[in-house]
């Protein structure tokens, strides 16, 4: 059964409500987006793409000393508390690998691979700044990679810790990215959610309709490679599972975020079936909670 959690990981620094005063101090531009709720409390308008991006930039500046983080229109602006949660739970798995569950794994000797880092480069940034890990981010979209590289180059705090690799074959995930002499303690992935561009667009429109507003874009959107692939997240993660067997000796933990609950049992069943051919697989399911949203961290490692 999945391990259940009631809130964010205890180490996650983004507990409770946002401290807007602190965030504005570290990122003054956020003050332009502060609004008052009907109850008279300060907040931001989460339907405004510029406000959401400013909030993210403020969080990165305040907690991770990231001085520059900007995205052009049309790219995914991720919720940082949830992304940080994934990495803190994954860090616990790495601690098991090193047989020291009481010590948070930190330092350059820990290597992580992010499959599909996107233009936002969030997982590499958080991993480098939270734990000092060396991170490789792969990306199939050349423009997204260029944007991510600009962010990396603009932040001295990431120097020597974050490198990007281009995936030249859109049909492959790990192949062509994991090199012969590589070893990664951890692979993370936030797979494309939808199965087609039409599906992604329809859901985006529905969200705006529920808010009673015209479609305003990015905070409910993202680029094609970020949002959808043929078959959606189930096909994407299934392919990752298949490819993982070839890299069993080069990776400590393989992992992925699974957003749709209906996919949980199917993916676990695939891993169990794969274990019959490849040998024992340690499978972990960790349910993560952020507000009303629940997602699953699915992780596996080959133990033979």
C-alpha atoms as a PDB file:
ATOM      1  CA  UNK A   1       0.000   0.000   0.000  1.00  0.00           C
ATOM      2  CA  UNK A   2       1.165   3.561  -0.644  1.00  0.00           C
ATOM      3  CA  UNK A   3       2.742   5.400   2.249  1.00  0.00           C
ATOM      4  CA  UNK A   4       0.271   8.123   3.251  1.00  0.00           C
ATOM      5  CA  UNK A   5       1.120  11.678   4.220  1.00  0.00           C
ATOM      6  CA  UNK A   6      -1.147  14.367   5.648  1.00  0.00           C
ATOM      7  CA  UNK A   7       0.891  17.410   4.649  1.00  0.00           C
ATOM      8  CA  UNK A   8       4.170  18.495   3.117  1.00  0.00           C
ATOM      9  CA  UNK A   9       7.379  16.667   4.007  1.00  0.00           C
ATOM     10  CA  UNK A  10       8.648  17.860   7.430  1.00  0.00           C
ATOM     11  CA  UNK A  11      11.828  19.283   5.838  1.00  0.00           C
ATOM     12  CA  UNK A  12       9.933  21.183   3.164  1.00  0.00           C
ATOM     13  CA  UNK A  13      10.451  24.891   3.936  1.00  0.00           C
ATOM     14  CA  UNK A  14       7.163  25.884   2.279  1.00  0.00           C
ATOM     15  CA  UNK A  15       4.826  25.004   5.141  1.00  0.00           C
ATOM     16  CA  UNK A  16       1.611  26.939   5.744  1.00  0.00           C
ATOM     17  CA  UNK A  17       0.683  30.203   4.088  1.00  0.00           C
ATOM     18  CA  UNK A  18       3.138  32.209   2.034  1.00  0.00           C
ATOM     19  CA  UNK A  19       4.973  34.895   4.007  1.00  0.00           C
ATOM     20  CA  UNK A  20       4.316  37.640   1.482  1.00  0.00           C
ATOM     21  CA  UNK A  21       6.225  40.276   3.456  1.00  0.00           C
ATOM     22  CA  UNK A  22       9.348  38.106   3.402  1.00  0.00           C
ATOM     23  CA  UNK A  23       8.894  37.272  -0.269  1.00  0.00           C
ATOM     24  CA  UNK A  24       8.459  40.933  -1.250  1.00  0.00           C
ATOM     25  CA  UNK A  25      11.588  41.812   0.719  1.00  0.00           C
ATOM     26  CA  UNK A  26      13.646  39.385  -1.354  1.00  0.00           C
ATOM     27  CA  UNK A  27      11.813  40.054  -4.614  1.00  0.00           C
ATOM     28  CA  UNK A  28      10.330  43.589  -4.569  1.00  0.00           C
ATOM     29  CA  UNK A  29       8.585  43.123  -7.947  1.00  0.00           C
ATOM     30  CA  UNK A  30       6.073  40.842  -6.211  1.00  0.00           C
ATOM     31  CA  UNK A  31       4.564  43.881  -4.475  1.00  0.00           C
ATOM     32  CA  UNK A  32       2.964  44.839  -7.813  1.00  0.00           C
ATOM     33  CA  UNK A  33       0.759  41.743  -7.617  1.00  0.00           C
ATOM     34  CA  UNK A  34      -0.421  41.859  -4.002  1.00  0.00           C
ATOM     35  CA  UNK A  35      -4.222  41.969  -3.644  1.00  0.00           C
ATOM     36  CA  UNK A  36      -6.610  41.831  -0.702  1.00  0.00           C
ATOM     37  CA  UNK A  37      -8.989  38.926  -0.220  1.00  0.00           C
ATOM     38  CA  UNK A  38     -12.629  39.547   0.762  1.00  0.00           C
ATOM     39  CA  UNK A  39     -11.485  38.823   4.328  1.00  0.00           C
ATOM     40  CA  UNK A  40      -8.890  41.590   4.146  1.00  0.00           C
ATOM     41  CA  UNK A  41      -5.825  39.343   3.950  1.00  0.00           C
ATOM     42  CA  UNK A  42      -2.971  39.837   1.511  1.00  0.00           C
ATOM     43  CA  UNK A  43      -2.713  37.394  -1.377  1.00  0.00           C
ATOM     44  CA  UNK A  44      -2.010  37.334  -5.104  1.00  0.00           C
ATOM     45  CA  UNK A  45      -4.357  36.683  -8.003  1.00  0.00           C
ATOM     46  CA  UNK A  46      -3.425  33.149  -9.051  1.00  0.00           C
ATOM     47  CA  UNK A  47      -5.298  33.557 -12.342  1.00  0.00           C
ATOM     48  CA  UNK A  48      -2.704  36.106 -13.491  1.00  0.00           C
ATOM     49  CA  UNK A  49       0.257  34.470 -15.201  1.00  0.00           C
ATOM     50  CA  UNK A  50       2.570  37.357 -14.331  1.00  0.00           C
ATOM     51  CA  UNK A  51       1.584  37.145 -10.657  1.00  0.00           C
ATOM     52  CA  UNK A  52       2.275  33.397 -10.504  1.00  0.00           C
ATOM     53  CA  UNK A  53       5.657  33.834 -12.157  1.00  0.00           C
ATOM     54  CA  UNK A  54       6.540  36.652  -9.750  1.00  0.00           C
ATOM     55  CA  UNK A  55       5.560  34.447  -6.801  1.00  0.00           C
ATOM     56  CA  UNK A  56       7.834  31.670  -8.054  1.00  0.00           C
ATOM     57  CA  UNK A  57      10.705  34.086  -8.621  1.00  0.00           C
ATOM     58  CA  UNK A  58      10.204  35.405  -5.083  1.00  0.00           C
ATOM     59  CA  UNK A  59      10.203  31.903  -3.585  1.00  0.00           C
ATOM     60  CA  UNK A  60      13.371  31.010  -5.467  1.00  0.00           C
ATOM     61  CA  UNK A  61      15.071  34.242  -4.383  1.00  0.00           C
ATOM     62  CA  UNK A  62      14.000  33.928  -0.736  1.00  0.00           C
ATOM     63  CA  UNK A  63      14.643  30.248  -0.092  1.00  0.00           C
ATOM     64  CA  UNK A  64      17.194  29.225  -2.728  1.00  0.00           C
ATOM     65  CA  UNK A  65      19.210  32.402  -3.503  1.00  0.00           C
ATOM     66  CA  UNK A  66      18.212  32.303  -7.173  1.00  0.00           C
ATOM     67  CA  UNK A  67      18.533  35.856  -8.477  1.00  0.00           C
ATOM     68  CA  UNK A  68      17.187  35.350 -11.999  1.00  0.00           C
ATOM     69  CA  UNK A  69      14.257  33.172 -13.032  1.00  0.00           C
ATOM     70  CA  UNK A  70      12.007  34.177 -15.938  1.00  0.00           C
ATOM     71  CA  UNK A  71       9.891  32.281 -18.448  1.00  0.00           C
ATOM     72  CA  UNK A  72       8.575  33.460 -21.808  1.00  0.00           C
ATOM     73  CA  UNK A  73       4.864  33.138 -22.505  1.00  0.00           C
ATOM     74  CA  UNK A  74       3.683  29.608 -23.176  1.00  0.00           C
ATOM     75  CA  UNK A  75       5.896  27.675 -20.745  1.00  0.00           C
ATOM     76  CA  UNK A  76       4.856  25.807 -17.610  1.00  0.00           C
ATOM     77  CA  UNK A  77       5.123  27.734 -14.346  1.00  0.00           C
ATOM     78  CA  UNK A  78       5.261  24.976 -11.702  1.00  0.00           C
ATOM     79  CA  UNK A  79       4.138  25.076  -8.049  1.00  0.00           C
ATOM     80  CA  UNK A  80       7.399  25.124  -6.109  1.00  0.00           C
ATOM     81  CA  UNK A  81       6.179  23.665  -2.764  1.00  0.00           C
ATOM     82  CA  UNK A  82       5.006  20.466  -4.484  1.00  0.00           C
ATOM     83  CA  UNK A  83       8.194  20.124  -6.516  1.00  0.00           C
ATOM     84  CA  UNK A  84      10.269  20.564  -3.368  1.00  0.00           C
ATOM     85  CA  UNK A  85       8.199  17.889  -1.630  1.00  0.00           C
ATOM     86  CA  UNK A  86       9.062  15.344  -4.322  1.00  0.00           C
ATOM     87  CA  UNK A  87      12.779  15.950  -3.792  1.00  0.00           C
ATOM     88  CA  UNK A  88      12.628  15.738  -0.004  1.00  0.00           C
ATOM     89  CA  UNK A  89      10.898  12.349  -0.163  1.00  0.00           C
ATOM     90  CA  UNK A  90      13.339  11.241  -2.849  1.00  0.00           C
ATOM     91  CA  UNK A  91      16.237  12.322  -0.614  1.00  0.00           C
ATOM     92  CA  UNK A  92      14.955   9.874   2.007  1.00  0.00           C
ATOM     93  CA  UNK A  93      15.168   7.093  -0.579  1.00  0.00           C
ATOM     94  CA  UNK A  94      18.762   8.054  -1.406  1.00  0.00           C
ATOM     95  CA  UNK A  95      19.595   7.928   2.312  1.00  0.00           C
ATOM     96  CA  UNK A  96      18.515   4.287   2.257  1.00  0.00           C
ATOM     97  CA  UNK A  97      20.938   3.593  -0.580  1.00  0.00           C
ATOM     98  CA  UNK A  98      23.764   4.948   1.545  1.00  0.00           C
ATOM     99  CA  UNK A  99      22.589   2.987   4.597  1.00  0.00           C
ATOM    100  CA  UNK A 100      22.187   6.125   6.699  1.00  0.00           C
ATOM    101  CA  UNK A 101      18.481   6.930   6.986  1.00  0.00           C
ATOM    102  CA  UNK A 102      19.114   9.474   9.763  1.00  0.00           C
ATOM    103  CA  UNK A 103      21.313  11.676   7.562  1.00  0.00           C
ATOM    104  CA  UNK A 104      20.041  13.872   4.732  1.00  0.00           C
ATOM    105  CA  UNK A 105      22.192  13.090   1.657  1.00  0.00           C
ATOM    106  CA  UNK A 106      24.045  16.235   0.662  1.00  0.00           C
ATOM    107  CA  UNK A 107      26.973  17.162  -1.519  1.00  0.00           C
ATOM    108  CA  UNK A 108      28.330  16.859  -5.041  1.00  0.00           C
ATOM    109  CA  UNK A 109      28.895  13.124  -4.731  1.00  0.00           C
ATOM    110  CA  UNK A 110      25.103  12.674  -5.073  1.00  0.00           C
ATOM    111  CA  UNK A 111      24.011  12.799  -8.723  1.00  0.00           C
ATOM    112  CA  UNK A 112      20.460  13.257  -9.989  1.00  0.00           C
ATOM    113  CA  UNK A 113      18.968  13.124 -13.471  1.00  0.00           C
ATOM    114  CA  UNK A 114      15.777  15.035 -14.307  1.00  0.00           C
ATOM    115  CA  UNK A 115      13.991  13.629 -17.362  1.00  0.00           C
ATOM    116  CA  UNK A 116      12.395  16.589 -19.120  1.00  0.00           C
ATOM    117  CA  UNK A 117      13.595  19.517 -17.026  1.00  0.00           C
ATOM    118  CA  UNK A 118      11.586  21.994 -19.106  1.00  0.00           C
ATOM    119  CA  UNK A 119      12.292  25.681 -19.515  1.00  0.00           C
ATOM    120  CA  UNK A 120      11.683  26.263 -15.788  1.00  0.00           C
ATOM    121  CA  UNK A 121      14.490  23.885 -14.684  1.00  0.00           C
ATOM    122  CA  UNK A 122      12.829  23.646 -11.270  1.00  0.00           C
ATOM    123  CA  UNK A 123      13.949  20.194 -10.121  1.00  0.00           C
ATOM    124  CA  UNK A 124      17.644  20.828 -10.928  1.00  0.00           C
ATOM    125  CA  UNK A 125      17.492  24.217  -9.193  1.00  0.00           C
ATOM    126  CA  UNK A 126      15.838  22.853  -6.059  1.00  0.00           C
ATOM    127  CA  UNK A 127      18.091  19.799  -5.860  1.00  0.00           C
ATOM    128  CA  UNK A 128      21.263  21.854  -6.282  1.00  0.00           C
ATOM    129  CA  UNK A 129      20.269  24.508  -3.784  1.00  0.00           C
ATOM    130  CA  UNK A 130      18.555  22.287  -1.188  1.00  0.00           C
ATOM    131  CA  UNK A 131      21.120  19.495  -1.111  1.00  0.00           C
ATOM    132  CA  UNK A 132      24.161  20.549  -3.165  1.00  0.00           C
ATOM    133  CA  UNK A 133      23.651  17.626  -5.544  1.00  0.00           C
ATOM    134  CA  UNK A 134      25.088  17.507  -9.037  1.00  0.00           C
ATOM    135  CA  UNK A 135      22.174  17.441 -11.471  1.00  0.00           C
ATOM    136  CA  UNK A 136      21.777  16.674 -15.151  1.00  0.00           C
ATOM    137  CA  UNK A 137      18.582  17.933 -16.778  1.00  0.00           C
ATOM    138  CA  UNK A 138      17.508  16.394 -20.081  1.00  0.00           C
ATOM    139  CA  UNK A 139      15.192  18.122 -22.538  1.00  0.00           C
ATOM    140  CA  UNK A 140      13.846  17.288 -25.994  1.00  0.00           C
ATOM    141  CA  UNK A 141      12.610  20.841 -26.752  1.00  0.00           C
ATOM    142  CA  UNK A 142      15.606  22.894 -27.951  1.00  0.00           C
ATOM    143  CA  UNK A 143      13.972  26.225 -27.124  1.00  0.00           C
ATOM    144  CA  UNK A 144      13.052  25.055 -23.612  1.00  0.00           C
ATOM    145  CA  UNK A 145      16.625  23.888 -23.084  1.00  0.00           C
ATOM    146  CA  UNK A 146      17.963  27.253 -24.224  1.00  0.00           C
ATOM    147  CA  UNK A 147      15.714  29.060 -21.722  1.00  0.00           C
ATOM    148  CA  UNK A 148      16.776  26.705 -18.928  1.00  0.00           C
ATOM    149  CA  UNK A 149      20.436  27.215 -19.844  1.00  0.00           C
ATOM    150  CA  UNK A 150      19.955  30.982 -19.624  1.00  0.00           C
ATOM    151  CA  UNK A 151      18.585  30.576 -16.089  1.00  0.00           C
ATOM    152  CA  UNK A 152      21.495  28.327 -15.091  1.00  0.00           C
ATOM    153  CA  UNK A 153      24.091  30.689 -16.582  1.00  0.00           C
ATOM    154  CA  UNK A 154      22.551  33.698 -14.830  1.00  0.00           C
ATOM    155  CA  UNK A 155      22.799  32.188 -11.335  1.00  0.00           C
ATOM    156  CA  UNK A 156      26.288  31.727  -9.849  1.00  0.00           C
ATOM    157  CA  UNK A 157      24.739  29.547  -7.113  1.00  0.00           C
ATOM    158  CA  UNK A 158      24.163  26.854  -9.741  1.00  0.00           C
ATOM    159  CA  UNK A 159      27.688  26.936 -11.187  1.00  0.00           C
ATOM    160  CA  UNK A 160      29.232  23.489 -11.393  1.00  0.00           C
ATOM    161  CA  UNK A 161      26.079  21.783 -10.138  1.00  0.00           C
ATOM    162  CA  UNK A 162      23.567  21.870 -13.011  1.00  0.00           C
ATOM    163  CA  UNK A 163      24.245  20.653 -16.549  1.00  0.00           C
ATOM    164  CA  UNK A 164      21.770  20.185 -19.379  1.00  0.00           C
ATOM    165  CA  UNK A 165      21.721  17.481 -22.044  1.00  0.00           C
ATOM    166  CA  UNK A 166      19.719  17.525 -25.261  1.00  0.00           C
ATOM    167  CA  UNK A 167      17.572  14.485 -26.013  1.00  0.00           C
ATOM    168  CA  UNK A 168      17.885  14.216 -29.783  1.00  0.00           C
ATOM    169  CA  UNK A 169      15.483  11.281 -30.174  1.00  0.00           C
ATOM    170  CA  UNK A 170      11.937  12.156 -29.108  1.00  0.00           C
ATOM    171  CA  UNK A 171      11.095   8.446 -28.926  1.00  0.00           C
ATOM    172  CA  UNK A 172      13.649   7.824 -26.179  1.00  0.00           C
ATOM    173  CA  UNK A 173      13.750   8.878 -22.535  1.00  0.00           C
ATOM    174  CA  UNK A 174      16.867   7.422 -20.907  1.00  0.00           C
ATOM    175  CA  UNK A 175      18.647   6.151 -24.015  1.00  0.00           C
ATOM    176  CA  UNK A 176      20.991   8.814 -25.360  1.00  0.00           C
ATOM    177  CA  UNK A 177      20.985  10.680 -22.037  1.00  0.00           C
ATOM    178  CA  UNK A 178      22.562   8.193 -19.618  1.00  0.00           C
ATOM    179  CA  UNK A 179      26.120   7.780 -20.860  1.00  0.00           C
ATOM    180  CA  UNK A 180      28.312   4.699 -20.484  1.00  0.00           C
ATOM    181  CA  UNK A 181      30.285   6.104 -17.532  1.00  0.00           C
ATOM    182  CA  UNK A 182      27.310   7.685 -15.720  1.00  0.00           C
ATOM    183  CA  UNK A 183      25.927   6.718 -12.354  1.00  0.00           C
ATOM    184  CA  UNK A 184      22.897   8.511 -10.894  1.00  0.00           C
ATOM    185  CA  UNK A 185      21.657   7.999  -7.350  1.00  0.00           C
ATOM    186  CA  UNK A 186      18.241   9.213  -8.472  1.00  0.00           C
ATOM    187  CA  UNK A 187      16.152   9.896 -11.555  1.00  0.00           C
ATOM    188  CA  UNK A 188      13.148  12.213 -11.219  1.00  0.00           C
ATOM    189  CA  UNK A 189      10.457  12.946 -13.761  1.00  0.00           C
ATOM    190  CA  UNK A 190       7.325  15.067 -14.043  1.00  0.00           C
ATOM    191  CA  UNK A 191       5.804  13.443 -17.157  1.00  0.00           C
ATOM    192  CA  UNK A 192       3.463  15.107 -19.660  1.00  0.00           C
ATOM    193  CA  UNK A 193      -0.027  14.775 -18.207  1.00  0.00           C
ATOM    194  CA  UNK A 194      -2.253  14.714 -21.289  1.00  0.00           C
ATOM    195  CA  UNK A 195      -2.502  12.370 -24.265  1.00  0.00           C
ATOM    196  CA  UNK A 196      -2.987  15.042 -26.950  1.00  0.00           C
ATOM    197  CA  UNK A 197      -2.814  18.784 -27.572  1.00  0.00           C
ATOM    198  CA  UNK A 198      -6.604  18.885 -27.926  1.00  0.00           C
ATOM    199  CA  UNK A 199      -7.089  17.280 -24.507  1.00  0.00           C
ATOM    200  CA  UNK A 200      -4.691  19.740 -22.878  1.00  0.00           C
ATOM    201  CA  UNK A 201      -6.422  22.693 -24.514  1.00  0.00           C
ATOM    202  CA  UNK A 202      -9.884  21.477 -23.510  1.00  0.00           C
ATOM    203  CA  UNK A 203      -8.939  21.074 -19.854  1.00  0.00           C
ATOM    204  CA  UNK A 204      -7.246  24.462 -19.863  1.00  0.00           C
ATOM    205  CA  UNK A 205     -10.436  26.048 -21.206  1.00  0.00           C
ATOM    206  CA  UNK A 206     -12.551  24.298 -18.578  1.00  0.00           C
ATOM    207  CA  UNK A 207     -10.422  25.723 -15.780  1.00  0.00           C
ATOM    208  CA  UNK A 208     -10.911  29.258 -17.036  1.00  0.00           C
ATOM    209  CA  UNK A 209     -14.658  28.698 -17.481  1.00  0.00           C
ATOM    210  CA  UNK A 210     -14.959  27.574 -13.870  1.00  0.00           C
ATOM    211  CA  UNK A 211     -13.391  30.881 -12.878  1.00  0.00           C
ATOM    212  CA  UNK A 212     -15.847  32.746 -15.106  1.00  0.00           C
ATOM    213  CA  UNK A 213     -13.049  34.281 -17.171  1.00  0.00           C
ATOM    214  CA  UNK A 214     -11.790  34.153 -20.747  1.00  0.00           C
ATOM    215  CA  UNK A 215      -8.768  31.956 -21.417  1.00  0.00           C
ATOM    216  CA  UNK A 216      -5.712  33.929 -20.282  1.00  0.00           C
ATOM    217  CA  UNK A 217      -2.983  31.397 -20.910  1.00  0.00           C
ATOM    218  CA  UNK A 218       0.115  30.202 -19.223  1.00  0.00           C
ATOM    219  CA  UNK A 219      -0.663  29.586 -15.552  1.00  0.00           C
ATOM    220  CA  UNK A 220      -3.080  26.897 -16.731  1.00  0.00           C
ATOM    221  CA  UNK A 221      -0.955  26.043 -19.762  1.00  0.00           C
ATOM    222  CA  UNK A 222       2.510  25.033 -20.911  1.00  0.00           C
ATOM    223  CA  UNK A 223       4.442  24.059 -24.016  1.00  0.00           C
ATOM    224  CA  UNK A 224       3.496  20.961 -25.997  1.00  0.00           C
ATOM    225  CA  UNK A 225       6.365  18.807 -24.715  1.00  0.00           C
ATOM    226  CA  UNK A 226       5.616  19.830 -21.113  1.00  0.00           C
ATOM    227  CA  UNK A 227       1.888  19.116 -21.217  1.00  0.00           C
ATOM    228  CA  UNK A 228       1.210  16.223 -23.547  1.00  0.00           C
ATOM    229  CA  UNK A 229       2.615  13.242 -25.390  1.00  0.00           C
ATOM    230  CA  UNK A 230       0.925  10.425 -27.266  1.00  0.00           C
ATOM    231  CA  UNK A 231      -0.674   8.235 -24.624  1.00  0.00           C
ATOM    232  CA  UNK A 232      -0.153  10.770 -21.825  1.00  0.00           C
ATOM    233  CA  UNK A 233       1.589  10.064 -18.537  1.00  0.00           C
ATOM    234  CA  UNK A 234       0.711   6.354 -18.511  1.00  0.00           C
ATOM    235  CA  UNK A 235       2.528   5.695 -21.790  1.00  0.00           C
ATOM    236  CA  UNK A 236       5.413   7.975 -20.797  1.00  0.00           C
ATOM    237  CA  UNK A 237       6.078   6.313 -17.432  1.00  0.00           C
ATOM    238  CA  UNK A 238       5.477   2.843 -18.897  1.00  0.00           C
ATOM    239  CA  UNK A 239       8.218   3.528 -21.438  1.00  0.00           C
ATOM    240  CA  UNK A 240      10.496   4.783 -18.681  1.00  0.00           C
ATOM    241  CA  UNK A 241       9.949   1.512 -16.786  1.00  0.00           C
ATOM    242  CA  UNK A 242      10.823  -0.528 -19.880  1.00  0.00           C
ATOM    243  CA  UNK A 243      13.984   1.483 -20.568  1.00  0.00           C
ATOM    244  CA  UNK A 244      15.046   1.422 -16.923  1.00  0.00           C
ATOM    245  CA  UNK A 245      15.997  -2.245 -17.051  1.00  0.00           C
ATOM    246  CA  UNK A 246      18.920  -1.463 -19.365  1.00  0.00           C
ATOM    247  CA  UNK A 247      20.320   0.970 -16.775  1.00  0.00           C
ATOM    248  CA  UNK A 248      19.705  -1.088 -13.632  1.00  0.00           C
ATOM    249  CA  UNK A 249      23.385  -0.908 -12.632  1.00  0.00           C
ATOM    250  CA  UNK A 250      23.758   2.803 -13.387  1.00  0.00           C
ATOM    251  CA  UNK A 251      20.850   4.184 -11.358  1.00  0.00           C
ATOM    252  CA  UNK A 252      20.034   3.902  -7.664  1.00  0.00           C
ATOM    253  CA  UNK A 253      16.375   4.912  -7.719  1.00  0.00           C
ATOM    254  CA  UNK A 254      14.196   5.509 -10.774  1.00  0.00           C
ATOM    255  CA  UNK A 255      11.158   7.646  -9.962  1.00  0.00           C
ATOM    256  CA  UNK A 256       8.304   9.609 -11.458  1.00  0.00           C
ATOM    257  CA  UNK A 257       5.395  11.734 -10.370  1.00  0.00           C
ATOM    258  CA  UNK A 258       2.051  10.061 -11.149  1.00  0.00           C
ATOM    259  CA  UNK A 259      -0.819  12.541 -11.250  1.00  0.00           C
ATOM    260  CA  UNK A 260      -3.761  10.347 -12.167  1.00  0.00           C
ATOM    261  CA  UNK A 261      -4.840   7.818  -9.545  1.00  0.00           C
ATOM    262  CA  UNK A 262      -6.221   5.418 -12.158  1.00  0.00           C
ATOM    263  CA  UNK A 263      -2.655   4.851 -13.385  1.00  0.00           C
ATOM    264  CA  UNK A 264      -1.164   3.782 -10.029  1.00  0.00           C
ATOM    265  CA  UNK A 265      -2.136   0.097 -10.082  1.00  0.00           C
ATOM    266  CA  UNK A 266      -1.351  -0.270 -13.781  1.00  0.00           C
ATOM    267  CA  UNK A 267       2.197   0.996 -13.365  1.00  0.00           C
ATOM    268  CA  UNK A 268       2.867  -1.069 -10.248  1.00  0.00           C
ATOM    269  CA  UNK A 269       1.549  -4.142 -12.060  1.00  0.00           C
ATOM    270  CA  UNK A 270       3.965  -3.433 -14.904  1.00  0.00           C
ATOM    271  CA  UNK A 271       6.869  -3.227 -12.475  1.00  0.00           C
ATOM    272  CA  UNK A 272       5.856  -6.510 -10.847  1.00  0.00           C
ATOM    273  CA  UNK A 273       5.677  -8.150 -14.262  1.00  0.00           C
ATOM    274  CA  UNK A 274       9.061  -6.711 -15.226  1.00  0.00           C
ATOM    275  CA  UNK A 275      10.565  -8.109 -12.021  1.00  0.00           C
ATOM    276  CA  UNK A 276       9.631 -11.606 -13.182  1.00  0.00           C
ATOM    277  CA  UNK A 277      11.983 -11.130 -16.131  1.00  0.00           C
ATOM    278  CA  UNK A 278      14.715  -8.909 -14.701  1.00  0.00           C
ATOM    279  CA  UNK A 279      14.929 -10.047 -11.095  1.00  0.00           C
ATOM    280  CA  UNK A 280      13.782  -8.384  -7.840  1.00  0.00           C
ATOM    281  CA  UNK A 281      12.549  -4.791  -7.946  1.00  0.00           C
ATOM    282  CA  UNK A 282      12.001  -2.699  -4.820  1.00  0.00           C
ATOM    283  CA  UNK A 283       8.843  -0.650  -5.473  1.00  0.00           C
ATOM    284  CA  UNK A 284       7.809   2.366  -3.385  1.00  0.00           C
ATOM    285  CA  UNK A 285       4.613   4.392  -3.544  1.00  0.00           C
ATOM    286  CA  UNK A 286       4.536   7.645  -1.578  1.00  0.00           C
ATOM    287  CA  UNK A 287       1.388   9.750  -1.612  1.00  0.00           C
ATOM    288  CA  UNK A 288       2.111  13.459  -1.378  1.00  0.00           C
ATOM    289  CA  UNK A 289      -0.416  16.085  -0.323  1.00  0.00           C
ATOM    290  CA  UNK A 290      -0.393  19.787  -1.151  1.00  0.00           C
ATOM    291  CA  UNK A 291      -3.649  21.455  -0.159  1.00  0.00           C
ATOM    292  CA  UNK A 292      -6.445  19.605  -1.908  1.00  0.00           C
ATOM    293  CA  UNK A 293      -4.129  18.069  -4.487  1.00  0.00           C
ATOM    294  CA  UNK A 294      -2.812  14.521  -4.023  1.00  0.00           C
ATOM    295  CA  UNK A 295      -0.153  12.968  -6.223  1.00  0.00           C
ATOM    296  CA  UNK A 296       1.991   9.851  -6.109  1.00  0.00           C
ATOM    297  CA  UNK A 297       5.745   9.500  -6.100  1.00  0.00           C
ATOM    298  CA  UNK A 298       6.395   6.113  -7.718  1.00  0.00           C
ATOM    299  CA  UNK A 299       9.960   4.860  -7.244  1.00  0.00           C
ATOM    300  CA  UNK A 300      11.704   1.612  -8.073  1.00  0.00           C
ATOM    301  CA  UNK A 301      15.170   0.109  -7.956  1.00  0.00           C
ATOM    302  CA  UNK A 302      16.698  -3.146  -9.151  1.00  0.00           C
ATOM    303  CA  UNK A 303      18.071  -5.147  -6.248  1.00  0.00           C
ATOM    304  CA  UNK A 304      19.579  -8.200  -7.929  1.00  0.00           C
END
